[in-house]
Amino acid sequence: MSPEGDKIIIALHSKEGTPQEITLSFDEASALAMTLPRLLTMAMSKRFSDPSLRHVYPVHDYTVECASDQRHVLLTLSCGGGFDIVFGIDVNMVTPLARDLVGGQALLETPPSLRPN
């Protein structure tokens, strides 16, 4: 990361072992982070010829807090290994989400399906 925090620098090695760097702006790195999970799911689906497959990160811990705007709840999901992601959930979505999570046991007892919001 740059000292100012405005750039992310990713160090890689070429096929020949030569050090390489990719420098991304904060916005570019954010867009890449949002795109990679979908790309990994698409790759798995194609690789195994199964559109139901998902690239899944196991959640080891979570925190819930109020955003400074008082209109969103911040949900941080921690997957271990330094991978955390924070979602801003509109307060109007909190109750339906909680209801779906409480019904999680029933989801495990029924055939797999997606639960769209």
PDB file of N, CA and C in Angstrom:
ATOM      1  N   MET A   1       0.845  -1.157   0.000  1.00  0.00           N
ATOM      2  CA  MET A   1       0.000   0.000   0.000  1.00  0.00           C
ATOM      3  C   MET A   1       0.899   1.232   0.000  1.00  0.00           C
ATOM      4  N   SER A   2       0.446   2.278  -0.692  1.00  0.00           N
ATOM      5  CA  SER A   2       1.225   3.511  -0.689  1.00  0.00           C
ATOM      6  C   SER A   2       1.120   4.171   0.689  1.00  0.00           C
ATOM      7  N   PRO A   3       2.092   4.987   1.048  1.00  0.00           N
ATOM      8  CA  PRO A   3       2.054   5.645   2.360  1.00  0.00           C
ATOM      9  C   PRO A   3       0.790   6.482   2.576  1.00  0.00           C
ATOM     10  N   GLU A   4       0.230   7.024   1.489  1.00  0.00           N
ATOM     11  CA  GLU A   4      -0.969   7.856   1.588  1.00  0.00           C
ATOM     12  C   GLU A   4      -2.246   7.025   1.625  1.00  0.00           C
ATOM     13  N   GLY A   5      -2.153   5.730   1.295  1.00  0.00           N
ATOM     14  CA  GLY A   5      -3.321   4.863   1.275  1.00  0.00           C
ATOM     15  C   GLY A   5      -4.171   5.005   0.035  1.00  0.00           C
ATOM     16  N   ASP A   6      -3.667   5.703  -0.986  1.00  0.00           N
ATOM     17  CA  ASP A   6      -4.462   5.913  -2.196  1.00  0.00           C
ATOM     18  C   ASP A   6      -4.157   4.902  -3.296  1.00  0.00           C
ATOM     19  N   LYS A   7      -3.159   4.067  -3.085  1.00  0.00           N
ATOM     20  CA  LYS A   7      -2.795   3.048  -4.068  1.00  0.00           C
ATOM     21  C   LYS A   7      -2.517   1.723  -3.360  1.00  0.00           C
ATOM     22  N   ILE A   8      -2.877   0.646  -4.042  1.00  0.00           N
ATOM     23  CA  ILE A   8      -2.596  -0.702  -3.564  1.00  0.00           C
ATOM     24  C   ILE A   8      -1.561  -1.288  -4.513  1.00  0.00           C
ATOM     25  N   ILE A   9      -0.494  -1.822  -3.969  1.00  0.00           N
ATOM     26  CA  ILE A   9       0.573  -2.401  -4.786  1.00  0.00           C
ATOM     27  C   ILE A   9       0.603  -3.900  -4.528  1.00  0.00           C
ATOM     28  N   ILE A  10       0.433  -4.672  -5.606  1.00  0.00           N
ATOM     29  CA  ILE A  10       0.428  -6.133  -5.504  1.00  0.00           C
ATOM     30  C   ILE A  10       1.731  -6.646  -6.103  1.00  0.00           C
ATOM     31  N   ALA A  11       2.512  -7.344  -5.305  1.00  0.00           N
ATOM     32  CA  ALA A  11       3.786  -7.900  -5.764  1.00  0.00           C
ATOM     33  C   ALA A  11       3.563  -9.326  -6.248  1.00  0.00           C
ATOM     34  N   LEU A  12       4.006  -9.605  -7.464  1.00  0.00           N
ATOM     35  CA  LEU A  12       3.880 -10.925  -8.086  1.00  0.00           C
ATOM     36  C   LEU A  12       5.219 -11.322  -8.687  1.00  0.00           C
ATOM     37  N   HIS A  13       5.286 -12.545  -9.171  1.00  0.00           N
ATOM     38  CA  HIS A  13       6.462 -13.003  -9.902  1.00  0.00           C
ATOM     39  C   HIS A  13       6.025 -13.487 -11.277  1.00  0.00           C
ATOM     40  N   SER A  14       6.828 -13.170 -12.292  1.00  0.00           N
ATOM     41  CA  SER A  14       6.539 -13.636 -13.647  1.00  0.00           C
ATOM     42  C   SER A  14       6.827 -15.133 -13.731  1.00  0.00           C
ATOM     43  N   LYS A  15       6.521 -15.733 -14.874  1.00  0.00           N
ATOM     44  CA  LYS A  15       6.812 -17.158 -15.074  1.00  0.00           C
ATOM     45  C   LYS A  15       8.298 -17.446 -14.915  1.00  0.00           C
ATOM     46  N   GLU A  16       9.108 -16.456 -15.235  1.00  0.00           N
ATOM     47  CA  GLU A  16      10.561 -16.624 -15.123  1.00  0.00           C
ATOM     48  C   GLU A  16      11.064 -16.329 -13.706  1.00  0.00           C
ATOM     49  N   GLY A  17      10.171 -15.911 -12.814  1.00  0.00           N
ATOM     50  CA  GLY A  17      10.563 -15.615 -11.442  1.00  0.00           C
ATOM     51  C   GLY A  17      10.948 -14.170 -11.199  1.00  0.00           C
ATOM     52  N   THR A  18      10.812 -13.332 -12.212  1.00  0.00           N
ATOM     53  CA  THR A  18      11.144 -11.922 -12.073  1.00  0.00           C
ATOM     54  C   THR A  18      10.065 -11.203 -11.259  1.00  0.00           C
ATOM     55  N   PRO A  19      10.470 -10.411 -10.279  1.00  0.00           N
ATOM     56  CA  PRO A  19       9.466  -9.668  -9.502  1.00  0.00           C
ATOM     57  C   PRO A  19       8.707  -8.670 -10.386  1.00  0.00           C
ATOM     58  N   GLN A  20       7.412  -8.617 -10.207  1.00  0.00           N
ATOM     59  CA  GLN A  20       6.541  -7.697 -10.939  1.00  0.00           C
ATOM     60  C   GLN A  20       5.632  -7.014  -9.923  1.00  0.00           C
ATOM     61  N   GLU A  21       5.147  -5.839 -10.274  1.00  0.00           N
ATOM     62  CA  GLU A  21       4.197  -5.141  -9.413  1.00  0.00           C
ATOM     63  C   GLU A  21       3.015  -4.661 -10.231  1.00  0.00           C
ATOM     64  N   ILE A  22       1.848  -4.732  -9.639  1.00  0.00           N
ATOM     65  CA  ILE A  22       0.649  -4.135 -10.207  1.00  0.00           C
ATOM     66  C   ILE A  22       0.221  -3.059  -9.222  1.00  0.00           C
ATOM     67  N   THR A  23       0.068  -1.841  -9.709  1.00  0.00           N
ATOM     68  CA  THR A  23      -0.362  -0.740  -8.861  1.00  0.00           C
ATOM     69  C   THR A  23      -1.781  -0.358  -9.248  1.00  0.00           C
ATOM     70  N   LEU A  24      -2.673  -0.383  -8.275  1.00  0.00           N
ATOM     71  CA  LEU A  24      -4.075  -0.045  -8.497  1.00  0.00           C
ATOM     72  C   LEU A  24      -4.453   1.143  -7.625  1.00  0.00           C
ATOM     73  N   SER A  25      -5.288   2.016  -8.174  1.00  0.00           N
ATOM     74  CA  SER A  25      -5.831   3.084  -7.337  1.00  0.00           C
ATOM     75  C   SER A  25      -6.782   2.452  -6.322  1.00  0.00           C
ATOM     76  N   PHE A  26      -7.154   3.204  -5.318  1.00  0.00           N
ATOM     77  CA  PHE A  26      -8.099   2.697  -4.321  1.00  0.00           C
ATOM     78  C   PHE A  26      -9.388   2.247  -4.999  1.00  0.00           C
ATOM     79  N   ASP A  27      -9.916   3.066  -5.919  1.00  0.00           N
ATOM     80  CA  ASP A  27     -11.164   2.723  -6.613  1.00  0.00           C
ATOM     81  C   ASP A  27     -11.009   1.477  -7.480  1.00  0.00           C
ATOM     82  N   GLU A  28      -9.875   1.343  -8.166  1.00  0.00           N
ATOM     83  CA  GLU A  28      -9.638   0.145  -8.985  1.00  0.00           C
ATOM     84  C   GLU A  28      -9.555  -1.103  -8.111  1.00  0.00           C
ATOM     85  N   ALA A  29      -8.861  -1.005  -6.980  1.00  0.00           N
ATOM     86  CA  ALA A  29      -8.748  -2.154  -6.073  1.00  0.00           C
ATOM     87  C   ALA A  29     -10.117  -2.525  -5.508  1.00  0.00           C
ATOM     88  N   SER A  30     -10.934  -1.528  -5.192  1.00  0.00           N
ATOM     89  CA  SER A  30     -12.279  -1.791  -4.675  1.00  0.00           C
ATOM     90  C   SER A  30     -13.128  -2.495  -5.725  1.00  0.00           C
ATOM     91  N   ALA A  31     -13.064  -2.032  -6.976  1.00  0.00           N
ATOM     92  CA  ALA A  31     -13.824  -2.671  -8.058  1.00  0.00           C
ATOM     93  C   ALA A  31     -13.355  -4.109  -8.270  1.00  0.00           C
ATOM     94  N   LEU A  32     -12.049  -4.339  -8.204  1.00  0.00           N
ATOM     95  CA  LEU A  32     -11.507  -5.689  -8.361  1.00  0.00           C
ATOM     96  C   LEU A  32     -11.981  -6.598  -7.224  1.00  0.00           C
ATOM     97  N   ALA A  33     -11.955  -6.088  -6.001  1.00  0.00           N
ATOM     98  CA  ALA A  33     -12.401  -6.884  -4.850  1.00  0.00           C
ATOM     99  C   ALA A  33     -13.871  -7.268  -4.979  1.00  0.00           C
ATOM    100  N   MET A  34     -14.684  -6.387  -5.529  1.00  0.00           N
ATOM    101  CA  MET A  34     -16.107  -6.684  -5.701  1.00  0.00           C
ATOM    102  C   MET A  34     -16.342  -7.663  -6.849  1.00  0.00           C
ATOM    103  N   THR A  35     -15.447  -7.688  -7.826  1.00  0.00           N
ATOM    104  CA  THR A  35     -15.618  -8.526  -9.014  1.00  0.00           C
ATOM    105  C   THR A  35     -15.076  -9.940  -8.827  1.00  0.00           C
ATOM    106  N   LEU A  36     -14.001 -10.102  -8.079  1.00  0.00           N
ATOM    107  CA  LEU A  36     -13.342 -11.410  -7.963  1.00  0.00           C
ATOM    108  C   LEU A  36     -14.239 -12.534  -7.450  1.00  0.00           C
ATOM    109  N   PRO A  37     -15.042 -12.342  -6.402  1.00  0.00           N
ATOM    110  CA  PRO A  37     -15.892 -13.461  -5.955  1.00  0.00           C
ATOM    111  C   PRO A  37     -16.829 -13.970  -7.055  1.00  0.00           C
ATOM    112  N   ARG A  38     -17.413 -13.055  -7.830  1.00  0.00           N
ATOM    113  CA  ARG A  38     -18.298 -13.473  -8.923  1.00  0.00           C
ATOM    114  C   ARG A  38     -17.506 -14.215 -10.002  1.00  0.00           C
ATOM    115  N   LEU A  39     -16.323 -13.719 -10.320  1.00  0.00           N
ATOM    116  CA  LEU A  39     -15.494 -14.390 -11.327  1.00  0.00           C
ATOM    117  C   LEU A  39     -15.089 -15.784 -10.864  1.00  0.00           C
ATOM    118  N   LEU A  40     -14.756 -15.936  -9.584  1.00  0.00           N
ATOM    119  CA  LEU A  40     -14.403 -17.257  -9.058  1.00  0.00           C
ATOM    120  C   LEU A  40     -15.588 -18.214  -9.131  1.00  0.00           C
ATOM    121  N   THR A  41     -16.782 -17.724  -8.821  1.00  0.00           N
ATOM    122  CA  THR A  41     -17.985 -18.558  -8.924  1.00  0.00           C
ATOM    123  C   THR A  41     -18.230 -18.952 -10.373  1.00  0.00           C
ATOM    124  N   MET A  42     -18.084 -18.001 -11.301  1.00  0.00           N
ATOM    125  CA  MET A  42     -18.270 -18.308 -12.725  1.00  0.00           C
ATOM    126  C   MET A  42     -17.252 -19.341 -13.194  1.00  0.00           C
ATOM    127  N   ALA A  43     -16.003 -19.198 -12.739  1.00  0.00           N
ATOM    128  CA  ALA A  43     -14.957 -20.148 -13.133  1.00  0.00           C
ATOM    129  C   ALA A  43     -15.260 -21.548 -12.599  1.00  0.00           C
ATOM    130  N   MET A  44     -15.706 -21.645 -11.348  1.00  0.00           N
ATOM    131  CA  MET A  44     -16.052 -22.960 -10.783  1.00  0.00           C
ATOM    132  C   MET A  44     -17.200 -23.592 -11.548  1.00  0.00           C
ATOM    133  N   SER A  45     -18.201 -22.795 -11.838  1.00  0.00           N
ATOM    134  CA  SER A  45     -19.373 -23.288 -12.559  1.00  0.00           C
ATOM    135  C   SER A  45     -18.972 -23.851 -13.918  1.00  0.00           C
ATOM    136  N   LYS A  46     -18.116 -23.117 -14.606  1.00  0.00           N
ATOM    137  CA  LYS A  46     -17.662 -23.553 -15.930  1.00  0.00           C
ATOM    138  C   LYS A  46     -16.717 -24.753 -15.819  1.00  0.00           C
ATOM    139  N   ARG A  47     -15.797 -24.698 -14.881  1.00  0.00           N
ATOM    140  CA  ARG A  47     -14.796 -25.762 -14.720  1.00  0.00           C
ATOM    141  C   ARG A  47     -15.435 -27.114 -14.431  1.00  0.00           C
ATOM    142  N   PHE A  48     -16.479 -27.115 -13.590  1.00  0.00           N
ATOM    143  CA  PHE A  48     -17.118 -28.367 -13.194  1.00  0.00           C
ATOM    144  C   PHE A  48     -18.468 -28.587 -13.869  1.00  0.00           C
ATOM    145  N   SER A  49     -18.803 -27.750 -14.850  1.00  0.00           N
ATOM    146  CA  SER A  49     -20.067 -27.849 -15.601  1.00  0.00           C
ATOM    147  C   SER A  49     -21.270 -27.963 -14.671  1.00  0.00           C
ATOM    148  N   ASP A  50     -21.276 -27.128 -13.630  1.00  0.00           N
ATOM    149  CA  ASP A  50     -22.362 -27.162 -12.653  1.00  0.00           C
ATOM    150  C   ASP A  50     -22.699 -25.730 -12.236  1.00  0.00           C
ATOM    151  N   PRO A  51     -23.785 -25.174 -12.787  1.00  0.00           N
ATOM    152  CA  PRO A  51     -24.133 -23.783 -12.476  1.00  0.00           C
ATOM    153  C   PRO A  51     -24.573 -23.553 -11.030  1.00  0.00           C
ATOM    154  N   SER A  52     -24.792 -24.619 -10.269  1.00  0.00           N
ATOM    155  CA  SER A  52     -25.215 -24.444  -8.874  1.00  0.00           C
ATOM    156  C   SER A  52     -24.033 -24.214  -7.929  1.00  0.00           C
ATOM    157  N   LEU A  53     -22.811 -24.438  -8.406  1.00  0.00           N
ATOM    158  CA  LEU A  53     -21.640 -24.274  -7.535  1.00  0.00           C
ATOM    159  C   LEU A  53     -21.402 -22.808  -7.200  1.00  0.00           C
ATOM    160  N   ARG A  54     -20.951 -22.552  -6.001  1.00  0.00           N
ATOM    161  CA  ARG A  54     -20.600 -21.215  -5.533  1.00  0.00           C
ATOM    162  C   ARG A  54     -19.212 -21.278  -4.894  1.00  0.00           C
ATOM    163  N   HIS A  55     -18.456 -20.206  -5.072  1.00  0.00           N
ATOM    164  CA  HIS A  55     -17.188 -20.077  -4.356  1.00  0.00           C
ATOM    165  C   HIS A  55     -17.545 -19.500  -2.987  1.00  0.00           C
ATOM    166  N   VAL A  56     -17.374 -20.280  -1.940  1.00  0.00           N
ATOM    167  CA  VAL A  56     -17.877 -19.930  -0.611  1.00  0.00           C
ATOM    168  C   VAL A  56     -16.723 -19.685   0.354  1.00  0.00           C
ATOM    169  N   TYR A  57     -16.846 -18.614   1.116  1.00  0.00           N
ATOM    170  CA  TYR A  57     -15.892 -18.311   2.169  1.00  0.00           C
ATOM    171  C   TYR A  57     -16.540 -18.655   3.509  1.00  0.00           C
ATOM    172  N   PRO A  58     -15.924 -19.494   4.333  1.00  0.00           N
ATOM    173  CA  PRO A  58     -16.517 -19.815   5.636  1.00  0.00           C
ATOM    174  C   PRO A  58     -16.371 -18.624   6.596  1.00  0.00           C
ATOM    175  N   VAL A  59     -17.459 -18.259   7.238  1.00  0.00           N
ATOM    176  CA  VAL A  59     -17.433 -17.151   8.194  1.00  0.00           C
ATOM    177  C   VAL A  59     -17.033 -17.703   9.561  1.00  0.00           C
ATOM    178  N   HIS A  60     -15.973 -17.129  10.128  1.00  0.00           N
ATOM    179  CA  HIS A  60     -15.496 -17.547  11.445  1.00  0.00           C
ATOM    180  C   HIS A  60     -15.984 -16.624  12.553  1.00  0.00           C
ATOM    181  N   ASP A  61     -16.289 -15.384  12.179  1.00  0.00           N
ATOM    182  CA  ASP A  61     -16.717 -14.412  13.181  1.00  0.00           C
ATOM    183  C   ASP A  61     -17.462 -13.288  12.476  1.00  0.00           C
ATOM    184  N   TYR A  62     -18.211 -12.518  13.235  1.00  0.00           N
ATOM    185  CA  TYR A  62     -18.910 -11.369  12.672  1.00  0.00           C
ATOM    186  C   TYR A  62     -19.081 -10.306  13.749  1.00  0.00           C
ATOM    187  N   THR A  63     -19.258  -9.078  13.311  1.00  0.00           N
ATOM    188  CA  THR A  63     -19.611  -7.991  14.215  1.00  0.00           C
ATOM    189  C   THR A  63     -20.733  -7.186  13.568  1.00  0.00           C
ATOM    190  N   VAL A  64     -21.582  -6.633  14.408  1.00  0.00           N
ATOM    191  CA  VAL A  64     -22.685  -5.792  13.953  1.00  0.00           C
ATOM    192  C   VAL A  64     -22.570  -4.468  14.693  1.00  0.00           C
ATOM    193  N   GLU A  65     -22.634  -3.383  13.951  1.00  0.00           N
ATOM    194  CA  GLU A  65     -22.559  -2.061  14.570  1.00  0.00           C
ATOM    195  C   GLU A  65     -23.396  -1.073  13.768  1.00  0.00           C
ATOM    196  N   CYS A  66     -23.680   0.057  14.353  1.00  0.00           N
ATOM    197  CA  CYS A  66     -24.478   1.084  13.693  1.00  0.00           C
ATOM    198  C   CYS A  66     -23.555   2.001  12.895  1.00  0.00           C
ATOM    199  N   ALA A  67     -23.954   2.306  11.665  1.00  0.00           N
ATOM    200  CA  ALA A  67     -23.184   3.241  10.849  1.00  0.00           C
ATOM    201  C   ALA A  67     -23.397   4.661  11.363  1.00  0.00           C
ATOM    202  N   SER A  68     -22.480   5.543  11.038  1.00  0.00           N
ATOM    203  CA  SER A  68     -22.567   6.921  11.528  1.00  0.00           C
ATOM    204  C   SER A  68     -23.770   7.668  10.964  1.00  0.00           C
ATOM    205  N   ASP A  69     -24.348   7.184   9.844  1.00  0.00           N
ATOM    206  CA  ASP A  69     -25.516   7.863   9.270  1.00  0.00           C
ATOM    207  C   ASP A  69     -26.828   7.485   9.953  1.00  0.00           C
ATOM    208  N   GLN A  70     -26.773   6.540  10.886  1.00  0.00           N
ATOM    209  CA  GLN A  70     -27.949   6.078  11.628  1.00  0.00           C
ATOM    210  C   GLN A  70     -29.029   5.473  10.724  1.00  0.00           C
ATOM    211  N   ARG A  71     -28.693   5.146   9.479  1.00  0.00           N
ATOM    212  CA  ARG A  71     -29.635   4.546   8.533  1.00  0.00           C
ATOM    213  C   ARG A  71     -29.175   3.170   8.068  1.00  0.00           C
ATOM    214  N   HIS A  72     -27.993   2.786   8.486  1.00  0.00           N
ATOM    215  CA  HIS A  72     -27.433   1.507   8.065  1.00  0.00           C
ATOM    216  C   HIS A  72     -26.825   0.776   9.256  1.00  0.00           C
ATOM    217  N   VAL A  73     -26.859  -0.525   9.173  1.00  0.00           N
ATOM    218  CA  VAL A  73     -26.163  -1.382  10.118  1.00  0.00           C
ATOM    219  C   VAL A  73     -24.943  -1.914   9.378  1.00  0.00           C
ATOM    220  N   LEU A  74     -23.795  -1.880  10.018  1.00  0.00           N
ATOM    221  CA  LEU A  74     -22.577  -2.413   9.415  1.00  0.00           C
ATOM    222  C   LEU A  74     -22.389  -3.847   9.885  1.00  0.00           C
ATOM    223  N   LEU A  75     -22.333  -4.759   8.941  1.00  0.00           N
ATOM    224  CA  LEU A  75     -22.127  -6.179   9.232  1.00  0.00           C
ATOM    225  C   LEU A  75     -20.758  -6.566   8.703  1.00  0.00           C
ATOM    226  N   THR A  76     -19.840  -6.877   9.603  1.00  0.00           N
ATOM    227  CA  THR A  76     -18.500  -7.311   9.221  1.00  0.00           C
ATOM    228  C   THR A  76     -18.438  -8.823   9.341  1.00  0.00           C
ATOM    229  N   LEU A  77     -18.124  -9.485   8.239  1.00  0.00           N
ATOM    230  CA  LEU A  77     -17.950 -10.935   8.222  1.00  0.00           C
ATOM    231  C   LEU A  77     -16.462 -11.223   8.132  1.00  0.00           C
ATOM    232  N   SER A  78     -15.951 -12.026   9.057  1.00  0.00           N
ATOM    233  CA  SER A  78     -14.527 -12.370   9.101  1.00  0.00           C
ATOM    234  C   SER A  78     -14.359 -13.838   8.748  1.00  0.00           C
ATOM    235  N   CYS A  79     -13.501 -14.086   7.769  1.00  0.00           N
ATOM    236  CA  CYS A  79     -13.299 -15.456   7.282  1.00  0.00           C
ATOM    237  C   CYS A  79     -11.956 -16.022   7.698  1.00  0.00           C
ATOM    238  N   GLY A  80     -11.199 -15.306   8.474  1.00  0.00           N
ATOM    239  CA  GLY A  80      -9.882 -15.780   8.875  1.00  0.00           C
ATOM    240  C   GLY A  80      -8.838 -15.425   7.839  1.00  0.00           C
ATOM    241  N   GLY A  81      -7.607 -15.543   8.219  1.00  0.00           N
ATOM    242  CA  GLY A  81      -6.522 -15.253   7.296  1.00  0.00           C
ATOM    243  C   GLY A  81      -6.460 -13.798   6.866  1.00  0.00           C
ATOM    244  N   GLY A  82      -7.073 -12.911   7.629  1.00  0.00           N
ATOM    245  CA  GLY A  82      -7.051 -11.495   7.296  1.00  0.00           C
ATOM    246  C   GLY A  82      -8.126 -11.069   6.322  1.00  0.00           C
ATOM    247  N   PHE A  83      -9.039 -11.966   5.958  1.00  0.00           N
ATOM    248  CA  PHE A  83     -10.101 -11.626   5.013  1.00  0.00           C
ATOM    249  C   PHE A  83     -11.360 -11.244   5.772  1.00  0.00           C
ATOM    250  N   ASP A  84     -11.665  -9.963   5.761  1.00  0.00           N
ATOM    251  CA  ASP A  84     -12.881  -9.424   6.363  1.00  0.00           C
ATOM    252  C   ASP A  84     -13.581  -8.586   5.297  1.00  0.00           C
ATOM    253  N   ILE A  85     -14.890  -8.548   5.345  1.00  0.00           N
ATOM    254  CA  ILE A  85     -15.645  -7.680   4.450  1.00  0.00           C
ATOM    255  C   ILE A  85     -16.774  -7.051   5.244  1.00  0.00           C
ATOM    256  N   VAL A  86     -17.034  -5.787   4.963  1.00  0.00           N
ATOM    257  CA  VAL A  86     -18.060  -5.042   5.684  1.00  0.00           C
ATOM    258  C   VAL A  86     -19.180  -4.691   4.712  1.00  0.00           C
ATOM    259  N   PHE A  87     -20.407  -5.027   5.104  1.00  0.00           N
ATOM    260  CA  PHE A  87     -21.584  -4.685   4.321  1.00  0.00           C
ATOM    261  C   PHE A  87     -22.382  -3.636   5.073  1.00  0.00           C
ATOM    262  N   GLY A  88     -22.859  -2.625   4.355  1.00  0.00           N
ATOM    263  CA  GLY A  88     -23.766  -1.636   4.921  1.00  0.00           C
ATOM    264  C   GLY A  88     -25.189  -2.059   4.590  1.00  0.00           C
ATOM    265  N   ILE A  89     -25.965  -2.423   5.601  1.00  0.00           N
ATOM    266  CA  ILE A  89     -27.322  -2.924   5.392  1.00  0.00           C
ATOM    267  C   ILE A  89     -28.317  -1.843   5.798  1.00  0.00           C
ATOM    268  N   ASP A  90     -29.184  -1.453   4.864  1.00  0.00           N
ATOM    269  CA  ASP A  90     -30.218  -0.472   5.151  1.00  0.00           C
ATOM    270  C   ASP A  90     -31.084  -0.981   6.305  1.00  0.00           C
ATOM    271  N   VAL A  91     -31.472  -0.087   7.201  1.00  0.00           N
ATOM    272  CA  VAL A  91     -32.244  -0.507   8.373  1.00  0.00           C
ATOM    273  C   VAL A  91     -33.542  -1.216   7.988  1.00  0.00           C
ATOM    274  N   ASN A  92     -34.104  -0.898   6.825  1.00  0.00           N
ATOM    275  CA  ASN A  92     -35.340  -1.553   6.385  1.00  0.00           C
ATOM    276  C   ASN A  92     -35.126  -3.011   5.989  1.00  0.00           C
ATOM    277  N   MET A  93     -33.880  -3.403   5.778  1.00  0.00           N
ATOM    278  CA  MET A  93     -33.581  -4.778   5.393  1.00  0.00           C
ATOM    279  C   MET A  93     -33.207  -5.643   6.600  1.00  0.00           C
ATOM    280  N   VAL A  94     -32.948  -5.025   7.734  1.00  0.00           N
ATOM    281  CA  VAL A  94     -32.467  -5.764   8.904  1.00  0.00           C
ATOM    282  C   VAL A  94     -33.480  -6.804   9.380  1.00  0.00           C
ATOM    283  N   THR A  95     -34.741  -6.430   9.521  1.00  0.00           N
ATOM    284  CA  THR A  95     -35.752  -7.370  10.023  1.00  0.00           C
ATOM    285  C   THR A  95     -35.960  -8.545   9.072  1.00  0.00           C
ATOM    286  N   PRO A  96     -36.150  -8.313   7.750  1.00  0.00           N
ATOM    287  CA  PRO A  96     -36.294  -9.469   6.857  1.00  0.00           C
ATOM    288  C   PRO A  96     -35.053 -10.367   6.844  1.00  0.00           C
ATOM    289  N   LEU A  97     -33.866  -9.762   6.922  1.00  0.00           N
ATOM    290  CA  LEU A  97     -32.637 -10.554   6.953  1.00  0.00           C
ATOM    291  C   LEU A  97     -32.581 -11.394   8.224  1.00  0.00           C
ATOM    292  N   ALA A  98     -32.908 -10.793   9.356  1.00  0.00           N
ATOM    293  CA  ALA A  98     -32.906 -11.536  10.625  1.00  0.00           C
ATOM    294  C   ALA A  98     -33.901 -12.689  10.569  1.00  0.00           C
ATOM    295  N   ARG A  99     -35.067 -12.448   9.988  1.00  0.00           N
ATOM    296  CA  ARG A  99     -36.081 -13.502   9.873  1.00  0.00           C
ATOM    297  C   ARG A  99     -35.545 -14.660   9.027  1.00  0.00           C
ATOM    298  N   ASP A 100     -34.881 -14.342   7.914  1.00  0.00           N
ATOM    299  CA  ASP A 100     -34.312 -15.401   7.068  1.00  0.00           C
ATOM    300  C   ASP A 100     -33.212 -16.167   7.793  1.00  0.00           C
ATOM    301  N   LEU A 101     -32.390 -15.463   8.565  1.00  0.00           N
ATOM    302  CA  LEU A 101     -31.324 -16.142   9.306  1.00  0.00           C
ATOM    303  C   LEU A 101     -31.886 -17.035  10.402  1.00  0.00           C
ATOM    304  N   VAL A 102     -32.936 -16.589  11.074  1.00  0.00           N
ATOM    305  CA  VAL A 102     -33.570 -17.415  12.106  1.00  0.00           C
ATOM    306  C   VAL A 102     -34.133 -18.682  11.479  1.00  0.00           C
ATOM    307  N   GLY A 103     -34.616 -18.586  10.253  1.00  0.00           N
ATOM    308  CA  GLY A 103     -35.150 -19.755   9.552  1.00  0.00           C
ATOM    309  C   GLY A 103     -34.077 -20.614   8.925  1.00  0.00           C
ATOM    310  N   GLY A 104     -32.823 -20.388   9.271  1.00  0.00           N
ATOM    311  CA  GLY A 104     -31.712 -21.125   8.681  1.00  0.00           C
ATOM    312  C   GLY A 104     -31.805 -22.626   8.845  1.00  0.00           C
ATOM    313  N   GLN A 105     -32.275 -23.094   9.979  1.00  0.00           N
ATOM    314  CA  GLN A 105     -32.393 -24.535  10.211  1.00  0.00           C
ATOM    315  C   GLN A 105     -33.355 -25.152   9.209  1.00  0.00           C
ATOM    316  N   ALA A 106     -34.450 -24.464   8.926  1.00  0.00           N
ATOM    317  CA  ALA A 106     -35.414 -24.977   7.945  1.00  0.00           C
ATOM    318  C   ALA A 106     -34.779 -25.052   6.559  1.00  0.00           C
ATOM    319  N   LEU A 107     -33.909 -24.113   6.244  1.00  0.00           N
ATOM    320  CA  LEU A 107     -33.216 -24.151   4.956  1.00  0.00           C
ATOM    321  C   LEU A 107     -32.368 -25.408   4.834  1.00  0.00           C
ATOM    322  N   LEU A 108     -31.763 -25.833   5.941  1.00  0.00           N
ATOM    323  CA  LEU A 108     -30.918 -27.024   5.923  1.00  0.00           C
ATOM    324  C   LEU A 108     -31.730 -28.301   5.767  1.00  0.00           C
ATOM    325  N   GLU A 109     -32.998 -28.242   6.100  1.00  0.00           N
ATOM    326  CA  GLU A 109     -33.846 -29.429   6.053  1.00  0.00           C
ATOM    327  C   GLU A 109     -34.640 -29.547   4.760  1.00  0.00           C
ATOM    328  N   THR A 110     -34.522 -28.562   3.874  1.00  0.00           N
ATOM    329  CA  THR A 110     -35.255 -28.584   2.606  1.00  0.00           C
ATOM    330  C   THR A 110     -34.265 -28.665   1.460  1.00  0.00           C
ATOM    331  N   PRO A 111     -34.741 -29.031   0.270  1.00  0.00           N
ATOM    332  CA  PRO A 111     -33.838 -29.091  -0.880  1.00  0.00           C
ATOM    333  C   PRO A 111     -33.175 -27.735  -1.115  1.00  0.00           C
ATOM    334  N   PRO A 112     -31.941 -27.742  -1.622  1.00  0.00           N
ATOM    335  CA  PRO A 112     -31.225 -26.489  -1.856  1.00  0.00           C
ATOM    336  C   PRO A 112     -31.991 -25.577  -2.808  1.00  0.00           C
ATOM    337  N   SER A 113     -32.055 -24.322  -2.441  1.00  0.00           N
ATOM    338  CA  SER A 113     -32.646 -23.314  -3.312  1.00  0.00           C
ATOM    339  C   SER A 113     -32.110 -21.958  -2.897  1.00  0.00           C
ATOM    340  N   LEU A 114     -32.231 -21.019  -3.798  1.00  0.00           N
ATOM    341  CA  LEU A 114     -31.823 -19.657  -3.488  1.00  0.00           C
ATOM    342  C   LEU A 114     -32.978 -18.945  -2.814  1.00  0.00           C
ATOM    343  N   ARG A 115     -32.663 -18.090  -1.847  1.00  0.00           N
ATOM    344  CA  ARG A 115     -33.696 -17.290  -1.193  1.00  0.00           C
ATOM    345  C   ARG A 115     -33.491 -15.847  -1.606  1.00  0.00           C
ATOM    346  N   PRO A 116     -34.114 -15.441  -2.720  1.00  0.00           N
ATOM    347  CA  PRO A 116     -33.946 -14.044  -3.138  1.00  0.00           C
ATOM    348  C   PRO A 116     -34.634 -13.109  -2.161  1.00  0.00           C
ATOM    349  N   ASN A 117     -34.099 -11.929  -2.049  1.00  0.00           N
ATOM    350  CA  ASN A 117     -34.683 -10.939  -1.155  1.00  0.00           C
ATOM    351  C   ASN A 117     -35.981 -10.424  -1.736  1.00  0.00           C
TER     352      ASN A 117
END
